[in-house]
């Protein structure tokens, strides 16, 4: 399979690239992204074939149908990392919460968040390519809380790879921060910035497109790539769990093969939703993808009004901080798929220059064929957390936004699969407040309170964080990022 560019070609980039080229150099012409030239067809024949398959077997078949230029042994090694999840036989449990609502739990990996589903295998793939080429790579990561820990975990001590991870100081949960700042591998650098996730992601995209930065790295015998979902190496692994979740509903007798479902996704950077969209385009029976947001509800406005308006927008700190994002990178891939490269380039340049764009009536109608959207306030999310626990289900505040969107957007005649993107341990003060009313609770106290309230144990890897020394204490202004990274290299 070949990969092409969302904003057209500038005459200097190749017209088409392979999968390995797209993940090693993820930014395309005019600052655009890479997308598959065509998607493989995975209709009912594929689904029936894998009704009795393991997650890894189905995943390998899907990757094979994408025709990626990665050795089979590397793919096997990458997928074998799912064996270290809580249940190797089922790394993504799908749990019934209501008669028509199921939760796909994507957080059973080493950092207790859904980013492990893609970044665990991605780390193996990228490091293997670098070693095969005898090249050194700097991997940039910008995180609102989950990408960072997952990227650091998968790349630590891997050959031919260094990672510089940027996070907004004060913009993550304590557990997320501790997962990053206690990492002590020599090939990892964690950088807190005085700003928002959008500032971190903006710096990442700027550096990925900077010839002077790349030249400075070249002097150090290093090339540049990224671990964010601008990299299709992330997205390809995020398609898989949508297919798995559908098959799980068939296995559980909740639906019959071919019956449509809603996919209900808490979305910040739109990578999770994009994986569902691609699965839908490849043949998964999906009625619509529901986008759940928090108070930073630019995606809700885009999908309901066609307007992407950041002119007077500022990131609001919420109880679901991994979604505190205004500029969602993967919306661009949707625009390309629906409207083509010329229109995508025009819209993205308008967003960059004017902080605004608006879809025409026909374009909005096309977008709404695939997507619906709603958002939940922090208080609404806490109510859903409390109600869910009364029915025996403990969830984090990002998952709670899905419950609001499910109520407002889903037709109850069809089943809904909501995606739980983080374990409750990652955001314990918010959950403790929802359950007990306590405020300003430290994470460790909140974890213990929730464990007692819900009669559940705290995972060992979370408890251990509070005894590990902080070794990554860099906090800088965003203007200092480039110099800090070059000094690290």
Protein backbone atom coordinates (compact mmCIF):
# COMPACT_ATOMS: atom_id res chain seq x y z
CA UNK A 1 0.00 0.00 0.00
CA UNK A 2 1.10 3.53 -0.80
CA UNK A 3 0.41 6.63 1.26
CA UNK A 4 -0.51 10.04 -0.15
CA UNK A 5 -0.83 13.57 1.21
CA UNK A 6 -3.85 15.41 2.63
CA UNK A 7 -2.88 18.83 1.19
CA UNK A 8 -1.49 17.75 -2.17
CA UNK A 9 2.14 17.64 -3.23
CA UNK A 10 4.62 20.52 -3.13
CA UNK A 11 7.04 19.17 -5.72
CA UNK A 12 9.74 18.33 -3.19
CA UNK A 13 8.09 15.47 -1.30
CA UNK A 14 7.55 12.12 -3.08
CA UNK A 15 4.12 11.76 -4.68
CA UNK A 16 3.61 8.51 -2.77
CA UNK A 17 5.44 6.83 0.11
CA UNK A 18 5.45 3.43 1.80
CA UNK A 19 4.12 2.79 5.29
CA UNK A 20 7.63 2.80 6.77
CA UNK A 21 8.43 6.10 5.07
CA UNK A 22 5.18 7.63 6.34
CA UNK A 23 5.90 6.71 9.95
CA UNK A 24 9.54 7.77 9.83
CA UNK A 25 8.67 11.20 8.35
CA UNK A 26 5.00 11.81 9.24
CA UNK A 27 4.59 15.42 8.06
CA UNK A 28 3.79 15.73 4.36
CA UNK A 29 3.71 18.62 1.85
CA UNK A 30 2.44 22.01 3.07
CA UNK A 31 2.35 20.70 6.65
CA UNK A 32 -0.20 18.03 5.77
CA UNK A 33 -0.48 14.39 6.86
CA UNK A 34 -0.20 11.01 5.18
CA UNK A 35 -3.24 8.83 4.49
CA UNK A 36 -3.66 5.48 2.73
CA UNK A 37 -4.14 5.75 -1.02
CA UNK A 38 -6.95 3.20 -0.64
CA UNK A 39 -8.41 1.24 2.26
CA UNK A 40 -8.64 -2.56 2.21
CA UNK A 41 -12.12 -4.06 2.17
CA UNK A 42 -12.89 -5.85 5.45
CA UNK A 43 -16.50 -6.84 5.00
CA UNK A 44 -18.54 -9.61 6.56
CA UNK A 45 -16.23 -12.31 5.18
CA UNK A 46 -13.34 -10.89 7.23
CA UNK A 47 -15.53 -10.53 10.31
CA UNK A 48 -16.85 -14.08 10.06
CA UNK A 49 -13.32 -15.38 9.56
CA UNK A 50 -12.20 -13.81 12.84
CA UNK A 51 -15.23 -14.45 15.00
CA UNK A 52 -13.23 -17.12 16.82
CA UNK A 53 -9.78 -15.52 16.42
CA UNK A 54 -7.57 -14.01 19.08
CA UNK A 55 -6.96 -10.25 19.09
CA UNK A 56 -3.42 -10.78 17.74
CA UNK A 57 -4.53 -13.09 14.92
CA UNK A 58 -7.19 -10.68 13.71
CA UNK A 59 -4.80 -7.72 14.06
CA UNK A 60 -2.09 -9.43 12.00
CA UNK A 61 -4.55 -10.25 9.22
CA UNK A 62 -5.73 -6.64 9.08
CA UNK A 63 -2.15 -5.32 8.96
CA UNK A 64 -1.37 -7.81 6.19
CA UNK A 65 -4.31 -6.54 4.14
CA UNK A 66 -2.94 -3.00 4.48
CA UNK A 67 0.18 -4.28 2.74
CA UNK A 68 2.58 -2.55 5.12
CA UNK A 69 6.27 -2.97 4.31
CA UNK A 70 7.22 -4.38 7.71
CA UNK A 71 8.78 -7.83 8.14
CA UNK A 72 6.41 -10.47 9.48
CA UNK A 73 8.76 -11.21 12.39
CA UNK A 74 8.63 -7.55 13.46
CA UNK A 75 4.83 -7.53 13.27
CA UNK A 76 4.72 -10.67 15.41
CA UNK A 77 7.10 -9.11 17.95
CA UNK A 78 5.02 -5.92 18.06
CA UNK A 79 1.69 -7.70 18.54
CA UNK A 80 3.20 -10.00 21.18
CA UNK A 81 3.31 -6.99 23.53
CA UNK A 82 -0.44 -7.43 24.01
CA UNK A 83 0.47 -10.58 25.93
CA UNK A 84 1.63 -8.32 28.77
CA UNK A 85 -1.83 -6.75 29.16
CA UNK A 86 -4.06 -7.78 32.08
CA UNK A 87 -5.62 -10.66 30.14
CA UNK A 88 -3.44 -11.86 27.25
CA UNK A 89 -6.36 -13.81 25.80
CA UNK A 90 -8.49 -10.64 25.67
CA UNK A 91 -6.52 -7.38 25.95
CA UNK A 92 -9.67 -5.31 25.32
CA UNK A 93 -12.64 -6.50 27.42
CA UNK A 94 -16.06 -5.28 26.30
CA UNK A 95 -18.40 -4.94 29.28
CA UNK A 96 -22.18 -4.66 29.29
CA UNK A 97 -23.33 -1.64 31.31
CA UNK A 98 -26.91 -1.22 30.07
CA UNK A 99 -29.14 -3.29 27.81
CA UNK A 100 -28.05 -1.26 24.77
CA UNK A 101 -24.73 0.17 26.04
CA UNK A 102 -21.38 -1.66 26.16
CA UNK A 103 -18.01 -0.26 27.20
CA UNK A 104 -14.85 -1.26 25.37
CA UNK A 105 -12.05 -0.99 27.93
CA UNK A 106 -8.89 0.12 26.16
CA UNK A 107 -6.79 0.74 29.27
CA UNK A 108 -5.52 -2.67 30.36
CA UNK A 109 -1.92 -2.07 29.26
CA UNK A 110 1.17 -0.90 31.18
CA UNK A 111 0.25 2.80 31.50
CA UNK A 112 -3.49 2.19 32.07
CA UNK A 113 -4.64 4.24 29.08
CA UNK A 114 -5.81 3.55 25.54
CA UNK A 115 -2.62 4.93 24.00
CA UNK A 116 -0.94 1.62 24.92
CA UNK A 117 -3.08 -0.12 22.30
CA UNK A 118 -1.24 1.72 19.52
CA UNK A 119 2.04 2.84 21.05
CA UNK A 120 3.13 -0.51 22.44
CA UNK A 121 3.41 -2.15 18.98
CA UNK A 122 4.37 1.13 17.29
CA UNK A 123 7.53 1.38 19.40
CA UNK A 124 8.73 -2.02 18.23
CA UNK A 125 7.99 -1.24 14.59
CA UNK A 126 9.74 2.12 14.50
CA UNK A 127 12.79 0.98 16.47
CA UNK A 128 13.14 -2.06 14.20
CA UNK A 129 13.06 0.11 11.07
CA UNK A 130 15.70 2.44 12.55
CA UNK A 131 17.97 -0.49 13.39
CA UNK A 132 17.53 -2.08 9.95
CA UNK A 133 18.54 1.22 8.33
CA UNK A 134 21.34 1.78 10.84
CA UNK A 135 19.86 5.22 11.54
CA UNK A 136 19.17 7.15 14.74
CA UNK A 137 15.81 8.78 15.35
CA UNK A 138 14.48 11.45 17.67
CA UNK A 139 10.81 10.79 18.42
CA UNK A 140 8.82 13.86 19.41
CA UNK A 141 5.72 13.44 21.54
CA UNK A 142 3.28 16.08 22.72
CA UNK A 143 0.85 14.87 25.35
CA UNK A 144 -2.27 15.98 27.15
CA UNK A 145 -1.59 13.16 29.58
CA UNK A 146 -1.80 9.70 28.01
CA UNK A 147 0.39 9.72 24.88
CA UNK A 148 3.44 10.74 26.91
CA UNK A 149 3.50 7.87 29.41
CA UNK A 150 2.67 5.34 26.67
CA UNK A 151 5.37 6.66 24.31
CA UNK A 152 8.00 6.72 27.05
CA UNK A 153 7.07 3.21 28.13
CA UNK A 154 7.30 1.69 24.66
CA UNK A 155 10.52 3.45 23.59
CA UNK A 156 12.56 3.30 26.79
CA UNK A 157 15.95 1.65 26.27
CA UNK A 158 15.14 0.80 22.65
CA UNK A 159 18.07 0.93 20.26
CA UNK A 160 18.53 3.79 17.77
CA UNK A 161 15.74 5.87 19.30
CA UNK A 162 15.54 8.86 21.65
CA UNK A 163 12.28 10.46 22.81
CA UNK A 164 11.54 14.07 23.74
CA UNK A 165 8.12 14.29 25.37
CA UNK A 166 6.39 17.64 25.99
CA UNK A 167 3.48 18.06 28.39
CA UNK A 168 1.61 21.11 29.73
CA UNK A 169 2.86 21.77 33.26
CA UNK A 170 -0.19 21.58 35.55
CA UNK A 171 -2.35 20.24 32.72
CA UNK A 172 -2.23 16.52 33.52
CA UNK A 173 -3.30 14.42 36.46
CA UNK A 174 -0.70 13.66 39.14
CA UNK A 175 -0.57 10.01 38.11
CA UNK A 176 0.01 10.93 34.47
CA UNK A 177 2.75 13.37 35.48
CA UNK A 178 4.42 10.82 37.74
CA UNK A 179 4.34 8.23 34.98
CA UNK A 180 6.46 10.61 32.91
CA UNK A 181 8.77 12.36 35.37
CA UNK A 182 9.86 9.14 37.10
CA UNK A 183 11.11 7.55 33.84
CA UNK A 184 14.89 7.26 34.14
CA UNK A 185 16.02 5.67 30.86
CA UNK A 186 18.88 7.60 29.27
CA UNK A 187 17.15 7.81 25.87
CA UNK A 188 14.14 9.70 27.30
CA UNK A 189 13.66 13.42 27.94
CA UNK A 190 10.48 14.78 29.55
CA UNK A 191 9.80 18.50 29.20
CA UNK A 192 7.09 20.38 31.08
CA UNK A 193 6.08 23.55 29.26
CA UNK A 194 4.34 26.62 30.58
CA UNK A 195 1.34 26.47 28.30
CA UNK A 196 -1.40 24.18 26.99
CA UNK A 197 -1.43 20.94 25.04
CA UNK A 198 -2.11 22.96 21.89
CA UNK A 199 1.14 24.83 22.54
CA UNK A 200 2.98 21.51 22.87
CA UNK A 201 1.39 20.06 19.73
CA UNK A 202 2.02 23.31 17.85
CA UNK A 203 5.71 23.09 18.79
CA UNK A 204 5.81 19.46 17.68
CA UNK A 205 4.33 20.24 14.26
CA UNK A 206 6.58 23.26 13.82
CA UNK A 207 9.71 21.24 14.61
CA UNK A 208 8.62 18.38 12.35
CA UNK A 209 8.39 20.88 9.48
CA UNK A 210 11.49 22.91 10.36
CA UNK A 211 14.41 22.52 7.95
CA UNK A 212 16.79 24.26 10.38
CA UNK A 213 15.84 21.92 13.22
CA UNK A 214 16.26 18.89 10.97
CA UNK A 215 19.65 20.22 9.82
CA UNK A 216 20.76 20.65 13.44
CA UNK A 217 19.71 17.06 14.14
CA UNK A 218 21.49 15.83 11.03
CA UNK A 219 24.72 17.25 12.40
CA UNK A 220 24.14 14.91 15.33
CA UNK A 221 23.47 11.98 12.98
CA UNK A 222 19.79 11.94 13.95
CA UNK A 223 16.53 11.97 11.94
CA UNK A 224 13.12 13.09 13.14
CA UNK A 225 9.76 11.40 13.68
CA UNK A 226 6.77 11.65 16.03
CA UNK A 227 4.68 9.49 18.34
CA UNK A 228 1.52 11.62 18.20
CA UNK A 229 -1.42 10.52 16.11
CA UNK A 230 -0.22 12.77 13.29
CA UNK A 231 1.78 9.59 12.66
CA UNK A 232 -0.22 6.96 10.77
CA UNK A 233 1.77 4.30 12.62
CA UNK A 234 -0.48 5.17 15.56
CA UNK A 235 -3.71 5.24 13.61
CA UNK A 236 -3.33 1.83 11.94
CA UNK A 237 -3.27 0.11 15.34
CA UNK A 238 -6.30 2.12 16.49
CA UNK A 239 -8.49 0.70 13.73
CA UNK A 240 -8.05 -2.80 15.14
CA UNK A 241 -9.82 -2.41 18.48
CA UNK A 242 -12.97 -1.06 16.83
CA UNK A 243 -13.22 -4.27 14.80
CA UNK A 244 -12.49 -6.35 17.92
CA UNK A 245 -15.17 -4.54 19.94
CA UNK A 246 -17.79 -5.24 17.28
CA UNK A 247 -16.83 -8.91 17.17
CA UNK A 248 -17.07 -9.08 20.96
CA UNK A 249 -20.71 -7.95 20.79
CA UNK A 250 -21.41 -10.70 18.27
CA UNK A 251 -19.63 -13.26 20.48
CA UNK A 252 -21.65 -12.16 23.49
CA UNK A 253 -24.90 -12.50 21.57
CA UNK A 254 -25.69 -8.79 21.91
CA UNK A 255 -25.94 -8.35 18.13
CA UNK A 256 -26.08 -10.53 15.05
CA UNK A 257 -23.37 -10.34 12.41
CA UNK A 258 -24.05 -7.41 10.09
CA UNK A 259 -26.18 -5.51 12.60
CA UNK A 260 -25.14 -1.87 12.88
CA UNK A 261 -23.86 -0.23 16.07
CA UNK A 262 -22.91 3.23 17.28
CA UNK A 263 -19.28 3.92 18.20
CA UNK A 264 -19.16 6.45 21.05
CA UNK A 265 -15.69 7.98 21.37
CA UNK A 266 -14.31 10.52 23.87
CA UNK A 267 -12.27 12.66 21.53
CA UNK A 268 -9.53 15.23 21.83
CA UNK A 269 -7.11 14.85 18.91
CA UNK A 270 -9.59 12.72 16.90
CA UNK A 271 -7.26 9.73 16.41
CA UNK A 272 -9.55 7.29 18.22
CA UNK A 273 -12.53 8.49 16.20
CA UNK A 274 -10.52 8.36 12.98
CA UNK A 275 -9.73 4.69 13.66
CA UNK A 276 -13.46 4.04 13.94
CA UNK A 277 -14.14 6.01 10.76
CA UNK A 278 -11.60 3.98 8.80
CA UNK A 279 -13.05 0.75 10.20
CA UNK A 280 -16.49 1.92 9.07
CA UNK A 281 -15.19 2.76 5.57
CA UNK A 282 -13.53 -0.67 5.42
CA UNK A 283 -16.83 -2.45 6.05
CA UNK A 284 -17.52 -2.51 9.78
CA UNK A 285 -21.31 -2.18 10.26
CA UNK A 286 -21.48 1.22 11.98
CA UNK A 287 -24.54 3.47 12.00
CA UNK A 288 -22.65 6.56 13.14
CA UNK A 289 -19.62 7.61 15.18
CA UNK A 290 -20.59 9.72 18.19
CA UNK A 291 -17.97 12.26 19.28
CA UNK A 292 -18.04 13.02 23.02
CA UNK A 293 -16.23 16.13 24.25
CA UNK A 294 -15.84 18.17 27.43
CA UNK A 295 -16.17 21.94 27.80
CA UNK A 296 -13.50 22.34 25.12
CA UNK A 297 -16.21 21.44 22.68
CA UNK A 298 -14.84 22.63 19.33
CA UNK A 299 -15.59 19.22 17.84
CA UNK A 300 -19.21 19.38 18.96
CA UNK A 301 -19.58 22.76 17.24
CA UNK A 302 -17.85 21.54 14.09
CA UNK A 303 -20.09 18.51 13.73
CA UNK A 304 -23.32 20.30 14.63
CA UNK A 305 -22.72 23.65 12.87
CA UNK A 306 -19.84 23.11 10.43
CA UNK A 307 -17.81 25.87 12.09
CA UNK A 308 -14.30 25.37 13.46
CA UNK A 309 -13.84 28.63 15.33
CA UNK A 310 -10.79 29.29 17.53
CA UNK A 311 -10.77 33.09 17.14
CA UNK A 312 -11.60 33.84 20.76
CA UNK A 313 -11.11 30.34 22.12
CA UNK A 314 -8.90 29.41 25.06
CA UNK A 315 -8.30 25.98 26.50
CA UNK A 316 -10.46 25.42 29.58
CA UNK A 317 -8.95 23.22 32.30
CA UNK A 318 -11.46 20.43 32.91
CA UNK A 319 -11.91 17.22 34.88
CA UNK A 320 -11.09 15.27 31.68
CA UNK A 321 -7.73 16.88 30.83
CA UNK A 322 -6.67 14.47 28.08
CA UNK A 323 -9.39 16.14 25.99
CA UNK A 324 -8.39 19.72 26.78
CA UNK A 325 -7.53 20.33 23.14
CA UNK A 326 -8.74 22.92 20.65
CA UNK A 327 -6.84 22.00 17.47
CA UNK A 328 -7.56 18.35 16.70
CA UNK A 329 -5.00 17.13 14.19
CA UNK A 330 -6.85 14.13 12.80
CA UNK A 331 -9.88 16.10 11.68
CA UNK A 332 -7.66 16.91 8.69
CA UNK A 333 -7.67 13.27 7.58
CA UNK A 334 -11.49 13.26 7.69
CA UNK A 335 -11.64 16.47 5.64
CA UNK A 336 -9.35 14.92 3.05
CA UNK A 337 -11.38 11.73 2.81
CA UNK A 338 -14.65 13.62 2.41
CA UNK A 339 -13.64 16.70 0.40
CA UNK A 340 -10.26 16.07 -1.26
CA UNK A 341 -6.82 17.64 -1.10
CA UNK A 342 -7.55 21.13 -2.51
CA UNK A 343 -10.40 21.82 -0.11
CA UNK A 344 -8.45 20.34 2.81
CA UNK A 345 -5.44 22.54 2.09
CA UNK A 346 -7.65 25.62 1.88
CA UNK A 347 -9.48 24.84 5.12
CA UNK A 348 -6.33 24.00 7.10
CA UNK A 349 -4.50 27.10 5.86
CA UNK A 350 -7.50 29.22 6.84
CA UNK A 351 -7.48 27.62 10.30
CA UNK A 352 -3.75 28.31 10.65
CA UNK A 353 -3.99 31.90 9.42
CA UNK A 354 -7.44 33.03 10.59
CA UNK A 355 -8.13 30.47 13.37
CA UNK A 356 -11.45 29.71 11.70
CA UNK A 357 -13.15 27.86 8.88
CA UNK A 358 -16.72 26.96 7.99
CA UNK A 359 -18.03 24.07 5.94
CA UNK A 360 -20.71 24.75 3.36
CA UNK A 361 -24.17 23.20 3.78
CA UNK A 362 -23.42 20.22 1.54
CA UNK A 363 -20.11 19.56 3.30
CA UNK A 364 -21.73 19.67 6.72
CA UNK A 365 -24.43 17.26 5.56
CA UNK A 366 -21.73 14.87 4.34
CA UNK A 367 -19.87 15.10 7.67
CA UNK A 368 -23.08 14.39 9.58
CA UNK A 369 -23.65 11.20 7.57
CA UNK A 370 -20.82 9.72 9.61
CA UNK A 371 -20.68 11.72 12.85
CA UNK A 372 -22.87 13.07 15.64
CA UNK A 373 -21.59 14.93 18.69
CA UNK A 374 -22.31 16.26 22.16
CA UNK A 375 -20.31 17.39 25.16
CA UNK A 376 -20.53 17.00 28.93
CA UNK A 377 -19.61 19.50 31.61
CA UNK A 378 -17.45 18.38 34.52
CA UNK A 379 -20.46 18.31 36.83
CA UNK A 380 -22.46 16.24 34.35
CA UNK A 381 -19.54 13.82 34.05
CA UNK A 382 -19.36 13.39 37.82
CA UNK A 383 -23.06 12.59 37.93
CA UNK A 384 -22.59 9.86 35.32
CA UNK A 385 -19.63 8.48 37.30
CA UNK A 386 -21.73 8.29 40.45
CA UNK A 387 -24.74 6.75 38.71
CA UNK A 388 -22.58 4.19 36.92
CA UNK A 389 -20.97 3.03 40.17
CA UNK A 390 -24.42 2.62 41.71
CA UNK A 391 -24.99 0.12 38.89
CA UNK A 392 -21.65 -1.57 39.55
CA UNK A 393 -19.45 0.13 36.94
CA UNK A 394 -16.44 2.33 37.80
CA UNK A 395 -15.21 4.68 35.08
CA UNK A 396 -12.99 7.69 34.55
CA UNK A 397 -14.19 11.21 33.61
CA UNK A 398 -13.35 10.84 29.91
CA UNK A 399 -15.54 7.77 29.62
CA UNK A 400 -18.26 9.69 31.45
CA UNK A 401 -18.53 12.14 28.54
CA UNK A 402 -19.54 9.17 26.38
CA UNK A 403 -22.52 8.48 28.62
CA UNK A 404 -23.87 12.00 28.00
CA UNK A 405 -23.35 11.66 24.23
CA UNK A 406 -24.95 8.20 24.25
CA UNK A 407 -28.09 9.60 25.86
CA UNK A 408 -28.42 12.48 23.42
CA UNK A 409 -27.15 11.01 20.13
CA UNK A 410 -27.82 7.26 20.04
CA UNK A 411 -31.05 5.62 18.89
CA UNK A 412 -31.75 3.02 21.52
CA UNK A 413 -32.88 0.47 18.93
CA UNK A 414 -29.18 -0.08 18.16
CA UNK A 415 -26.38 -1.05 20.52
CA UNK A 416 -23.74 1.52 21.42
CA UNK A 417 -20.07 0.75 22.06
CA UNK A 418 -18.56 3.44 24.28
CA UNK A 419 -14.78 3.55 24.53
CA UNK A 420 -13.16 3.82 27.93
CA UNK A 421 -9.81 5.46 27.27
CA UNK A 422 -8.32 5.48 30.78
CA UNK A 423 -8.51 3.51 33.99
CA UNK A 424 -10.10 5.19 37.01
CA UNK A 425 -6.66 5.38 38.67
CA UNK A 426 -5.47 8.08 36.27
CA UNK A 427 -7.99 10.68 37.50
CA UNK A 428 -8.76 9.65 41.04
CA UNK A 429 -9.37 13.11 42.66
CA UNK A 430 -12.21 13.81 40.22
CA UNK A 431 -13.76 10.41 40.80
CA UNK A 432 -13.38 10.66 44.56
CA UNK A 433 -15.13 14.04 44.42
CA UNK A 434 -17.93 12.52 42.35
CA UNK A 435 -18.41 9.65 44.80
CA UNK A 436 -17.74 11.27 48.19
CA UNK A 437 -17.91 15.03 47.65
CA UNK A 438 -14.34 15.53 48.88
CA UNK A 439 -12.34 18.24 47.12
CA UNK A 440 -8.61 18.97 46.70
CA UNK A 441 -7.79 15.36 47.46
CA UNK A 442 -4.26 14.19 46.75
CA UNK A 443 -4.08 11.35 44.25
CA UNK A 444 -2.92 8.71 46.72
CA UNK A 445 -5.68 9.60 49.20
CA UNK A 446 -8.25 9.65 46.41
CA UNK A 447 -7.09 6.26 45.13
CA UNK A 448 -7.51 4.74 48.57
CA UNK A 449 -10.94 6.34 49.03
CA UNK A 450 -12.19 5.03 45.68
CA UNK A 451 -10.76 1.57 46.31
CA UNK A 452 -12.69 1.43 49.59
CA UNK A 453 -15.89 2.87 48.10
CA UNK A 454 -15.88 0.57 45.06
CA UNK A 455 -14.30 -2.43 46.79
CA UNK A 456 -11.55 -2.62 44.19
CA UNK A 457 -7.76 -2.92 44.33
CA UNK A 458 -5.25 -0.32 43.15
CA UNK A 459 -2.96 -1.77 40.45
CA UNK A 460 0.62 -2.27 41.62
CA UNK A 461 2.10 -0.15 38.81
CA UNK A 462 0.04 2.82 40.01
CA UNK A 463 0.83 2.41 43.70
CA UNK A 464 4.54 2.14 42.92
CA UNK A 465 4.59 5.57 41.25
CA UNK A 466 4.32 7.39 44.57
CA UNK A 467 7.56 5.84 45.85
CA UNK A 468 9.65 6.42 42.72
CA UNK A 469 12.04 9.39 42.59
CA UNK A 470 11.36 12.27 40.20
CA UNK A 471 14.25 12.34 37.73
CA UNK A 472 12.74 14.48 34.95
CA UNK A 473 12.25 17.96 36.41
CA UNK A 474 12.61 20.23 33.36
CA UNK A 475 9.93 22.94 33.12
CA UNK A 476 10.48 25.68 30.54
CA UNK A 477 8.81 28.38 28.46
CA UNK A 478 7.52 27.11 25.12
CA UNK A 479 10.03 29.31 23.28
CA UNK A 480 12.86 27.28 24.83
CA UNK A 481 11.69 23.89 23.54
CA UNK A 482 13.94 23.62 20.49
CA UNK A 483 17.11 24.53 22.40
CA UNK A 484 16.22 22.13 25.21
CA UNK A 485 15.71 19.23 22.82
CA UNK A 486 18.92 19.92 20.90
CA UNK A 487 20.81 20.06 24.18
CA UNK A 488 19.34 16.65 25.09
CA UNK A 489 20.44 15.14 21.77
